[in-house]
């Protein structure tokens, strides 16, 4: 233990990270802990919360007559479908295309790379807005061009296709 130096506190690091940690605790940690507490209560936001323990979770997972049960399992099914389709579409297929474009014999490689990169320049919110306008039930380009009177986003499987694309 003779040759060991005592570590000093790096106050500059604490000064830089301190405000971020305070904001993280206020806006992430405290709401998360309070949300977990609230999930064990029956509360209508007007009266005081009443502790019910795991009753909310039992209703969510096992009471098939409850609306929450139906919504939870439907949401879980939709999440599973979304992940099952979007992971290959957004990760596996682009990786295969990128690997193919790295081959030296590909002609117009730069053009293909630019074409594939252009959608990444559009923000998600702008792309979503454009997409919703294209498939709008009354004003959308698709309905007007093809003469449809169709609400794409409210019918299955068309809503899934819109989400995936």
N, C-alpha and C. Protein backbone atom coordinates (compact mmCIF):
# COMPACT_ATOMS: atom_id res chain seq x y z
N UNK A 1 0.81 -1.20 0.00
CA UNK A 1 0.00 0.00 0.00
C UNK A 1 0.85 1.27 0.00
N UNK A 2 2.15 1.11 0.13
CA UNK A 2 3.01 2.28 0.21
C UNK A 2 3.06 3.09 -1.08
N UNK A 3 3.11 2.43 -2.25
CA UNK A 3 3.29 3.11 -3.51
C UNK A 3 2.01 3.64 -4.14
N UNK A 4 0.86 3.44 -3.48
CA UNK A 4 -0.41 3.88 -4.07
C UNK A 4 -0.65 5.35 -3.80
N UNK A 5 -1.10 6.06 -4.85
CA UNK A 5 -1.41 7.48 -4.70
C UNK A 5 -2.88 7.64 -4.36
N UNK A 6 -3.18 8.66 -3.61
CA UNK A 6 -4.56 8.99 -3.29
C UNK A 6 -5.17 9.71 -4.48
N UNK A 7 -6.33 9.23 -4.94
CA UNK A 7 -6.98 9.87 -6.08
C UNK A 7 -7.67 11.15 -5.64
N UNK A 8 -7.48 12.18 -6.44
CA UNK A 8 -8.14 13.45 -6.12
C UNK A 8 -9.43 13.56 -6.93
N UNK A 9 -10.33 14.34 -6.43
CA UNK A 9 -11.61 14.56 -7.10
C UNK A 9 -11.40 15.55 -8.24
N UNK A 10 -11.90 15.20 -9.41
CA UNK A 10 -11.80 16.06 -10.58
C UNK A 10 -13.04 16.97 -10.60
N UNK A 11 -12.90 18.16 -10.03
CA UNK A 11 -14.04 19.07 -9.88
C UNK A 11 -14.54 19.59 -11.22
N UNK A 12 -13.68 19.68 -12.21
CA UNK A 12 -14.11 20.15 -13.53
C UNK A 12 -15.09 19.16 -14.15
N UNK A 13 -14.82 17.87 -13.99
CA UNK A 13 -15.74 16.85 -14.51
C UNK A 13 -17.08 16.93 -13.82
N UNK A 14 -17.06 17.08 -12.53
CA UNK A 14 -18.31 17.18 -11.76
C UNK A 14 -19.08 18.42 -12.18
N UNK A 15 -18.38 19.52 -12.44
CA UNK A 15 -19.06 20.75 -12.86
C UNK A 15 -19.74 20.58 -14.22
N UNK A 16 -19.13 19.81 -15.12
CA UNK A 16 -19.74 19.60 -16.44
C UNK A 16 -20.90 18.61 -16.38
N UNK A 17 -20.75 17.55 -15.62
CA UNK A 17 -21.78 16.51 -15.62
C UNK A 17 -22.88 16.79 -14.61
N UNK A 18 -22.62 17.62 -13.63
CA UNK A 18 -23.59 17.91 -12.57
C UNK A 18 -24.95 18.40 -13.06
N UNK A 19 -25.00 19.46 -13.90
CA UNK A 19 -26.31 19.93 -14.37
C UNK A 19 -27.08 18.87 -15.15
N UNK A 20 -26.37 18.06 -15.93
CA UNK A 20 -27.03 17.01 -16.69
C UNK A 20 -27.59 15.94 -15.77
N UNK A 21 -26.85 15.60 -14.74
CA UNK A 21 -27.33 14.60 -13.78
C UNK A 21 -28.56 15.11 -13.03
N UNK A 22 -28.56 16.38 -12.67
CA UNK A 22 -29.72 16.96 -11.98
C UNK A 22 -30.95 16.88 -12.89
N UNK A 23 -30.81 17.28 -14.15
CA UNK A 23 -31.93 17.22 -15.09
C UNK A 23 -32.37 15.78 -15.34
N UNK A 24 -31.42 14.85 -15.43
CA UNK A 24 -31.75 13.44 -15.62
C UNK A 24 -32.55 12.91 -14.44
N UNK A 25 -32.14 13.27 -13.25
CA UNK A 25 -32.86 12.81 -12.05
C UNK A 25 -34.26 13.42 -12.01
N UNK A 26 -34.37 14.72 -12.32
CA UNK A 26 -35.67 15.39 -12.26
C UNK A 26 -36.62 14.89 -13.33
N UNK A 27 -36.14 14.74 -14.56
CA UNK A 27 -37.04 14.45 -15.68
C UNK A 27 -37.10 12.98 -16.09
N UNK A 28 -36.22 12.13 -15.57
CA UNK A 28 -36.26 10.71 -15.92
C UNK A 28 -36.46 9.83 -14.69
N UNK A 29 -35.57 9.96 -13.72
CA UNK A 29 -35.61 9.05 -12.57
C UNK A 29 -36.85 9.24 -11.70
N UNK A 30 -37.15 10.46 -11.32
CA UNK A 30 -38.31 10.72 -10.45
C UNK A 30 -39.62 10.34 -11.14
N UNK A 31 -39.88 10.74 -12.40
CA UNK A 31 -41.12 10.30 -13.05
C UNK A 31 -41.21 8.78 -13.21
N UNK A 32 -40.08 8.11 -13.46
CA UNK A 32 -40.11 6.66 -13.59
C UNK A 32 -40.50 6.01 -12.26
N UNK A 33 -39.89 6.44 -11.19
CA UNK A 33 -40.21 5.88 -9.87
C UNK A 33 -41.65 6.18 -9.50
N UNK A 34 -42.12 7.40 -9.79
CA UNK A 34 -43.50 7.75 -9.47
C UNK A 34 -44.48 6.95 -10.33
N UNK A 35 -44.14 6.71 -11.59
CA UNK A 35 -44.99 5.90 -12.46
C UNK A 35 -45.11 4.47 -11.96
N UNK A 36 -44.00 3.92 -11.48
CA UNK A 36 -44.05 2.57 -10.92
C UNK A 36 -44.93 2.56 -9.68
N UNK A 37 -44.79 3.57 -8.81
CA UNK A 37 -45.66 3.66 -7.63
C UNK A 37 -47.13 3.77 -8.05
N UNK A 38 -47.42 4.64 -9.02
CA UNK A 38 -48.80 4.87 -9.46
C UNK A 38 -49.42 3.61 -10.07
N UNK A 39 -48.60 2.73 -10.64
CA UNK A 39 -49.14 1.51 -11.23
C UNK A 39 -49.69 0.55 -10.18
N UNK A 40 -49.33 0.76 -8.94
CA UNK A 40 -49.84 -0.08 -7.85
C UNK A 40 -50.99 0.59 -7.12
N UNK A 41 -51.56 1.67 -7.68
CA UNK A 41 -52.66 2.38 -7.03
C UNK A 41 -53.85 2.49 -7.97
N UNK A 42 -55.01 2.76 -7.38
CA UNK A 42 -56.21 3.10 -8.14
C UNK A 42 -56.37 4.61 -7.97
N UNK A 43 -56.30 5.35 -9.08
CA UNK A 43 -56.26 6.80 -8.97
C UNK A 43 -56.93 7.42 -10.18
N UNK A 44 -57.85 8.35 -9.92
CA UNK A 44 -58.55 9.04 -11.01
C UNK A 44 -58.05 10.47 -11.20
N UNK A 45 -56.94 10.82 -10.61
CA UNK A 45 -56.29 12.13 -10.68
C UNK A 45 -57.04 13.24 -9.94
N UNK A 46 -58.19 12.95 -9.38
CA UNK A 46 -58.93 13.94 -8.62
C UNK A 46 -58.83 13.62 -7.13
N UNK A 47 -59.19 12.39 -6.77
CA UNK A 47 -59.10 11.98 -5.37
C UNK A 47 -57.70 11.44 -5.09
N UNK A 48 -57.46 11.12 -3.84
CA UNK A 48 -56.16 10.58 -3.46
C UNK A 48 -55.99 9.16 -4.00
N UNK A 49 -54.75 8.78 -4.36
CA UNK A 49 -54.53 7.42 -4.84
C UNK A 49 -54.75 6.39 -3.72
N UNK A 50 -55.34 5.26 -4.09
CA UNK A 50 -55.60 4.18 -3.14
C UNK A 50 -54.72 2.99 -3.54
N UNK A 51 -53.95 2.47 -2.58
CA UNK A 51 -53.05 1.35 -2.85
C UNK A 51 -53.85 0.09 -3.14
N UNK A 52 -53.61 -0.54 -4.29
CA UNK A 52 -54.32 -1.78 -4.64
C UNK A 52 -53.34 -2.92 -4.91
N UNK A 53 -52.07 -2.68 -4.77
CA UNK A 53 -51.07 -3.73 -4.97
C UNK A 53 -51.00 -4.20 -6.41
N UNK A 54 -51.00 -5.53 -6.61
CA UNK A 54 -50.87 -6.10 -7.95
C UNK A 54 -52.21 -6.24 -8.67
N UNK A 55 -53.27 -5.66 -8.14
CA UNK A 55 -54.59 -5.79 -8.74
C UNK A 55 -54.63 -5.26 -10.17
N UNK A 56 -53.98 -4.13 -10.43
CA UNK A 56 -53.95 -3.58 -11.78
C UNK A 56 -53.25 -4.52 -12.76
N UNK A 57 -52.19 -5.15 -12.30
CA UNK A 57 -51.46 -6.09 -13.16
C UNK A 57 -52.26 -7.37 -13.40
N UNK A 58 -52.99 -7.82 -12.38
CA UNK A 58 -53.85 -9.00 -12.57
C UNK A 58 -54.93 -8.71 -13.60
N UNK A 59 -55.53 -7.52 -13.51
CA UNK A 59 -56.55 -7.12 -14.49
C UNK A 59 -55.95 -7.06 -15.88
N UNK A 60 -54.78 -6.46 -15.98
CA UNK A 60 -54.12 -6.29 -17.28
C UNK A 60 -53.77 -7.63 -17.93
N UNK A 61 -53.32 -8.57 -17.14
CA UNK A 61 -52.82 -9.83 -17.69
C UNK A 61 -53.84 -10.96 -17.75
N UNK A 62 -54.86 -10.95 -16.86
CA UNK A 62 -55.71 -12.14 -16.74
C UNK A 62 -57.21 -11.90 -16.85
N UNK A 63 -57.70 -10.66 -16.70
CA UNK A 63 -59.14 -10.40 -16.73
C UNK A 63 -59.60 -10.10 -18.15
N UNK A 64 -60.08 -11.13 -18.86
CA UNK A 64 -60.42 -10.97 -20.28
C UNK A 64 -61.65 -10.10 -20.50
N UNK A 65 -62.40 -9.77 -19.47
CA UNK A 65 -63.56 -8.90 -19.64
C UNK A 65 -63.17 -7.42 -19.57
N UNK A 66 -61.94 -7.13 -19.23
CA UNK A 66 -61.48 -5.75 -19.07
C UNK A 66 -61.02 -5.16 -20.40
N UNK A 67 -61.28 -3.89 -20.59
CA UNK A 67 -60.81 -3.18 -21.79
C UNK A 67 -59.29 -3.12 -21.80
N UNK A 68 -58.70 -2.94 -20.62
CA UNK A 68 -57.25 -2.85 -20.52
C UNK A 68 -56.58 -4.14 -20.98
N UNK A 69 -57.19 -5.28 -20.65
CA UNK A 69 -56.68 -6.58 -21.07
C UNK A 69 -56.62 -6.65 -22.59
N UNK A 70 -57.72 -6.29 -23.24
CA UNK A 70 -57.80 -6.34 -24.70
C UNK A 70 -56.78 -5.39 -25.32
N UNK A 71 -56.70 -4.17 -24.81
CA UNK A 71 -55.77 -3.19 -25.36
C UNK A 71 -54.32 -3.61 -25.16
N UNK A 72 -54.01 -4.17 -24.00
CA UNK A 72 -52.65 -4.60 -23.71
C UNK A 72 -52.20 -5.70 -24.66
N UNK A 73 -53.02 -6.74 -24.78
CA UNK A 73 -52.63 -7.87 -25.63
C UNK A 73 -52.64 -7.50 -27.11
N UNK A 74 -53.55 -6.62 -27.51
CA UNK A 74 -53.55 -6.14 -28.89
C UNK A 74 -52.29 -5.31 -29.17
N UNK A 75 -51.91 -4.46 -28.23
CA UNK A 75 -50.69 -3.68 -28.37
C UNK A 75 -49.45 -4.54 -28.39
N UNK A 76 -49.43 -5.59 -27.58
CA UNK A 76 -48.30 -6.51 -27.57
C UNK A 76 -48.19 -7.26 -28.89
N UNK A 77 -49.34 -7.68 -29.43
CA UNK A 77 -49.36 -8.37 -30.73
C UNK A 77 -48.86 -7.43 -31.83
N UNK A 78 -49.34 -6.18 -31.84
CA UNK A 78 -48.92 -5.22 -32.86
C UNK A 78 -47.43 -4.91 -32.75
N UNK A 79 -46.92 -4.81 -31.54
CA UNK A 79 -45.49 -4.56 -31.35
C UNK A 79 -44.68 -5.72 -31.89
N UNK A 80 -45.12 -6.94 -31.62
CA UNK A 80 -44.43 -8.14 -32.11
C UNK A 80 -44.40 -8.16 -33.64
N UNK A 81 -45.54 -7.88 -34.26
CA UNK A 81 -45.61 -7.85 -35.73
C UNK A 81 -44.68 -6.78 -36.29
N UNK A 82 -44.71 -5.60 -35.67
CA UNK A 82 -43.88 -4.48 -36.12
C UNK A 82 -42.40 -4.85 -36.06
N UNK A 83 -41.98 -5.42 -34.94
CA UNK A 83 -40.57 -5.80 -34.78
C UNK A 83 -40.20 -6.91 -35.74
N UNK A 84 -41.07 -7.89 -35.89
CA UNK A 84 -40.80 -9.03 -36.76
C UNK A 84 -40.59 -8.59 -38.21
N UNK A 85 -41.29 -7.57 -38.65
CA UNK A 85 -41.16 -7.11 -40.03
C UNK A 85 -40.12 -6.00 -40.18
N UNK A 86 -40.07 -5.07 -39.24
CA UNK A 86 -39.20 -3.92 -39.40
C UNK A 86 -37.72 -4.21 -39.15
N UNK A 87 -37.40 -5.17 -38.30
CA UNK A 87 -35.99 -5.49 -38.08
C UNK A 87 -35.33 -5.96 -39.37
N UNK A 88 -35.95 -6.92 -40.08
CA UNK A 88 -35.32 -7.29 -41.36
C UNK A 88 -35.31 -6.13 -42.36
N UNK A 89 -36.41 -5.36 -42.41
CA UNK A 89 -36.48 -4.28 -43.39
C UNK A 89 -35.46 -3.17 -43.12
N UNK A 90 -35.21 -2.88 -41.85
CA UNK A 90 -34.34 -1.74 -41.54
C UNK A 90 -32.92 -2.11 -41.17
N UNK A 91 -32.65 -3.38 -40.91
CA UNK A 91 -31.29 -3.74 -40.52
C UNK A 91 -30.69 -4.77 -41.46
N UNK A 92 -31.33 -5.90 -41.61
CA UNK A 92 -30.73 -7.01 -42.36
C UNK A 92 -30.62 -6.67 -43.85
N UNK A 93 -31.71 -6.22 -44.46
CA UNK A 93 -31.68 -5.91 -45.89
C UNK A 93 -30.72 -4.76 -46.21
N UNK A 94 -30.73 -3.63 -45.46
CA UNK A 94 -29.74 -2.59 -45.75
C UNK A 94 -28.30 -3.05 -45.57
N UNK A 95 -28.04 -3.93 -44.60
CA UNK A 95 -26.68 -4.44 -44.45
C UNK A 95 -26.26 -5.28 -45.65
N UNK A 96 -27.20 -6.07 -46.17
CA UNK A 96 -26.89 -6.87 -47.36
C UNK A 96 -26.64 -5.97 -48.57
N UNK A 97 -27.44 -4.92 -48.71
CA UNK A 97 -27.24 -3.99 -49.83
C UNK A 97 -25.90 -3.27 -49.69
N UNK A 98 -25.57 -2.83 -48.46
CA UNK A 98 -24.29 -2.15 -48.23
C UNK A 98 -23.12 -3.07 -48.55
N UNK A 99 -23.23 -4.32 -48.13
CA UNK A 99 -22.16 -5.28 -48.43
C UNK A 99 -22.03 -5.50 -49.93
N UNK A 100 -23.16 -5.57 -50.62
CA UNK A 100 -23.12 -5.76 -52.08
C UNK A 100 -22.52 -4.54 -52.77
N UNK A 101 -22.80 -3.34 -52.26
CA UNK A 101 -22.26 -2.13 -52.88
C UNK A 101 -20.77 -1.96 -52.62
N UNK A 102 -20.21 -2.69 -51.69
CA UNK A 102 -18.77 -2.59 -51.43
C UNK A 102 -17.95 -3.39 -52.43
N UNK A 103 -18.61 -4.20 -53.21
CA UNK A 103 -17.90 -5.01 -54.20
C UNK A 103 -17.33 -4.09 -55.28
N UNK A 104 -16.13 -4.36 -55.72
CA UNK A 104 -15.43 -3.48 -56.66
C UNK A 104 -16.05 -3.48 -58.05
N UNK A 105 -16.76 -4.53 -58.44
CA UNK A 105 -17.29 -4.62 -59.79
C UNK A 105 -18.64 -3.92 -59.97
N UNK A 106 -19.17 -3.31 -58.92
CA UNK A 106 -20.46 -2.63 -59.03
C UNK A 106 -20.28 -1.33 -59.79
N UNK A 107 -21.03 -1.19 -60.89
CA UNK A 107 -20.98 0.04 -61.66
C UNK A 107 -21.94 1.06 -61.04
N UNK A 108 -21.62 2.32 -61.16
CA UNK A 108 -22.43 3.42 -60.62
C UNK A 108 -22.64 3.27 -59.11
N UNK A 109 -21.60 2.79 -58.41
CA UNK A 109 -21.69 2.57 -56.97
C UNK A 109 -22.04 3.85 -56.22
N UNK A 110 -21.41 4.96 -56.59
CA UNK A 110 -21.67 6.24 -55.94
C UNK A 110 -23.11 6.69 -56.11
N UNK A 111 -23.67 6.48 -57.30
CA UNK A 111 -25.06 6.86 -57.56
C UNK A 111 -26.01 6.04 -56.68
N UNK A 112 -25.78 4.72 -56.62
CA UNK A 112 -26.64 3.87 -55.78
C UNK A 112 -26.52 4.25 -54.31
N UNK A 113 -25.32 4.55 -53.86
CA UNK A 113 -25.14 4.96 -52.46
C UNK A 113 -25.87 6.27 -52.18
N UNK A 114 -25.81 7.21 -53.11
CA UNK A 114 -26.51 8.49 -52.93
C UNK A 114 -28.02 8.28 -52.90
N UNK A 115 -28.53 7.45 -53.81
CA UNK A 115 -29.97 7.19 -53.85
C UNK A 115 -30.43 6.55 -52.55
N UNK A 116 -29.64 5.65 -52.01
CA UNK A 116 -30.02 4.99 -50.76
C UNK A 116 -29.88 5.91 -49.55
N UNK A 117 -29.00 6.92 -49.65
CA UNK A 117 -28.78 7.82 -48.52
C UNK A 117 -29.78 8.97 -48.46
N UNK A 118 -30.34 9.35 -49.58
CA UNK A 118 -31.24 10.51 -49.64
C UNK A 118 -32.40 10.42 -48.65
N UNK A 119 -33.09 9.28 -48.49
CA UNK A 119 -34.17 9.24 -47.50
C UNK A 119 -33.71 9.53 -46.08
N UNK A 120 -32.45 9.27 -45.78
CA UNK A 120 -31.92 9.57 -44.45
C UNK A 120 -31.80 11.06 -44.18
N UNK A 121 -31.84 11.86 -45.23
CA UNK A 121 -31.75 13.32 -45.07
C UNK A 121 -33.09 13.94 -44.68
N UNK A 122 -34.18 13.21 -44.90
CA UNK A 122 -35.51 13.73 -44.56
C UNK A 122 -35.81 13.37 -43.12
N UNK A 123 -36.24 14.34 -42.33
CA UNK A 123 -36.57 14.05 -40.94
C UNK A 123 -37.79 13.13 -40.87
N UNK A 124 -37.91 12.42 -39.79
CA UNK A 124 -39.02 11.48 -39.62
C UNK A 124 -40.35 12.22 -39.61
N UNK A 125 -40.39 13.37 -38.95
CA UNK A 125 -41.66 14.12 -38.88
C UNK A 125 -42.06 14.64 -40.26
N UNK A 126 -41.10 15.14 -41.04
CA UNK A 126 -41.42 15.63 -42.38
C UNK A 126 -41.85 14.48 -43.29
N UNK A 127 -41.15 13.37 -43.21
CA UNK A 127 -41.53 12.20 -44.00
C UNK A 127 -42.91 11.68 -43.64
N UNK A 128 -43.22 11.66 -42.35
CA UNK A 128 -44.54 11.21 -41.90
C UNK A 128 -45.64 12.14 -42.40
N UNK A 129 -45.38 13.44 -42.36
CA UNK A 129 -46.36 14.41 -42.83
C UNK A 129 -46.61 14.25 -44.33
N UNK A 130 -45.55 14.12 -45.09
CA UNK A 130 -45.70 13.92 -46.54
C UNK A 130 -46.46 12.64 -46.83
N UNK A 131 -46.10 11.58 -46.13
CA UNK A 131 -46.73 10.27 -46.34
C UNK A 131 -48.22 10.34 -45.99
N UNK A 132 -48.57 11.02 -44.90
CA UNK A 132 -49.98 11.13 -44.52
C UNK A 132 -50.76 11.96 -45.53
N UNK A 133 -50.11 12.95 -46.15
CA UNK A 133 -50.79 13.74 -47.19
C UNK A 133 -50.98 12.93 -48.46
N UNK A 134 -50.02 12.09 -48.81
CA UNK A 134 -50.15 11.27 -50.01
C UNK A 134 -51.32 10.30 -49.87
N UNK A 135 -51.53 9.74 -48.68
CA UNK A 135 -52.57 8.74 -48.47
C UNK A 135 -53.78 9.29 -47.71
N UNK A 136 -53.97 10.60 -47.71
CA UNK A 136 -55.14 11.21 -47.07
C UNK A 136 -56.40 10.69 -47.74
N UNK A 137 -57.47 10.46 -46.95
CA UNK A 137 -58.67 9.84 -47.51
C UNK A 137 -59.38 10.73 -48.54
N UNK A 138 -59.35 12.07 -48.39
CA UNK A 138 -60.03 12.94 -49.36
C UNK A 138 -59.08 13.71 -50.24
N UNK A 139 -57.95 14.14 -49.70
CA UNK A 139 -57.04 15.02 -50.44
C UNK A 139 -55.81 14.32 -50.99
N UNK A 140 -55.63 13.06 -50.65
CA UNK A 140 -54.41 12.35 -50.99
C UNK A 140 -54.22 12.09 -52.47
N UNK A 141 -52.96 12.09 -52.87
CA UNK A 141 -52.62 11.88 -54.28
C UNK A 141 -53.03 10.49 -54.75
N UNK A 142 -52.85 9.48 -53.92
CA UNK A 142 -53.18 8.11 -54.33
C UNK A 142 -54.67 7.99 -54.62
N UNK A 143 -55.51 8.50 -53.73
CA UNK A 143 -56.96 8.43 -53.95
C UNK A 143 -57.39 9.25 -55.16
N UNK A 144 -56.78 10.40 -55.36
CA UNK A 144 -57.16 11.25 -56.49
C UNK A 144 -56.69 10.69 -57.82
N UNK A 145 -55.49 10.14 -57.87
CA UNK A 145 -54.97 9.59 -59.12
C UNK A 145 -55.75 8.35 -59.55
N UNK A 146 -56.01 7.46 -58.62
CA UNK A 146 -56.67 6.21 -58.96
C UNK A 146 -58.18 6.24 -58.78
N UNK A 147 -58.73 7.36 -58.32
CA UNK A 147 -60.17 7.50 -58.17
C UNK A 147 -60.76 6.72 -57.00
N UNK A 148 -59.95 6.46 -55.99
CA UNK A 148 -60.43 5.74 -54.81
C UNK A 148 -61.11 6.68 -53.85
N UNK A 149 -62.02 6.15 -53.07
CA UNK A 149 -62.58 6.86 -51.92
C UNK A 149 -62.35 5.95 -50.72
N UNK A 150 -61.13 5.99 -50.21
CA UNK A 150 -60.68 4.96 -49.30
C UNK A 150 -59.85 5.57 -48.18
N UNK A 151 -60.10 5.16 -46.96
CA UNK A 151 -59.30 5.60 -45.83
C UNK A 151 -58.21 4.56 -45.55
N UNK A 152 -57.01 4.83 -46.01
CA UNK A 152 -55.93 3.86 -45.96
C UNK A 152 -55.49 3.57 -44.53
N UNK A 153 -55.41 4.56 -43.70
CA UNK A 153 -54.82 4.39 -42.37
C UNK A 153 -55.77 3.72 -41.38
N UNK A 154 -57.03 3.57 -41.72
CA UNK A 154 -57.97 3.01 -40.75
C UNK A 154 -58.40 1.59 -41.06
N UNK A 155 -57.80 0.97 -42.06
CA UNK A 155 -58.19 -0.41 -42.43
C UNK A 155 -56.97 -1.30 -42.47
N UNK A 156 -57.17 -2.53 -42.04
CA UNK A 156 -56.11 -3.53 -42.12
C UNK A 156 -56.21 -4.25 -43.45
N UNK A 157 -55.20 -4.66 -44.07
CA UNK A 157 -53.77 -4.56 -43.77
C UNK A 157 -53.13 -3.29 -44.30
N UNK A 158 -53.95 -2.38 -44.85
CA UNK A 158 -53.40 -1.17 -45.47
C UNK A 158 -52.68 -0.28 -44.46
N UNK A 159 -53.19 -0.22 -43.24
CA UNK A 159 -52.53 0.59 -42.22
C UNK A 159 -51.13 0.04 -41.93
N UNK A 160 -51.00 -1.28 -41.89
CA UNK A 160 -49.68 -1.88 -41.67
C UNK A 160 -48.74 -1.51 -42.82
N UNK A 161 -49.22 -1.56 -44.03
CA UNK A 161 -48.37 -1.22 -45.18
C UNK A 161 -47.89 0.21 -45.08
N UNK A 162 -48.77 1.12 -44.70
CA UNK A 162 -48.37 2.53 -44.54
C UNK A 162 -47.29 2.66 -43.46
N UNK A 163 -47.47 1.96 -42.36
CA UNK A 163 -46.49 2.04 -41.26
C UNK A 163 -45.14 1.51 -41.72
N UNK A 164 -45.13 0.38 -42.40
CA UNK A 164 -43.88 -0.23 -42.81
C UNK A 164 -43.15 0.61 -43.85
N UNK A 165 -43.88 1.14 -44.80
CA UNK A 165 -43.24 1.92 -45.85
C UNK A 165 -42.81 3.27 -45.31
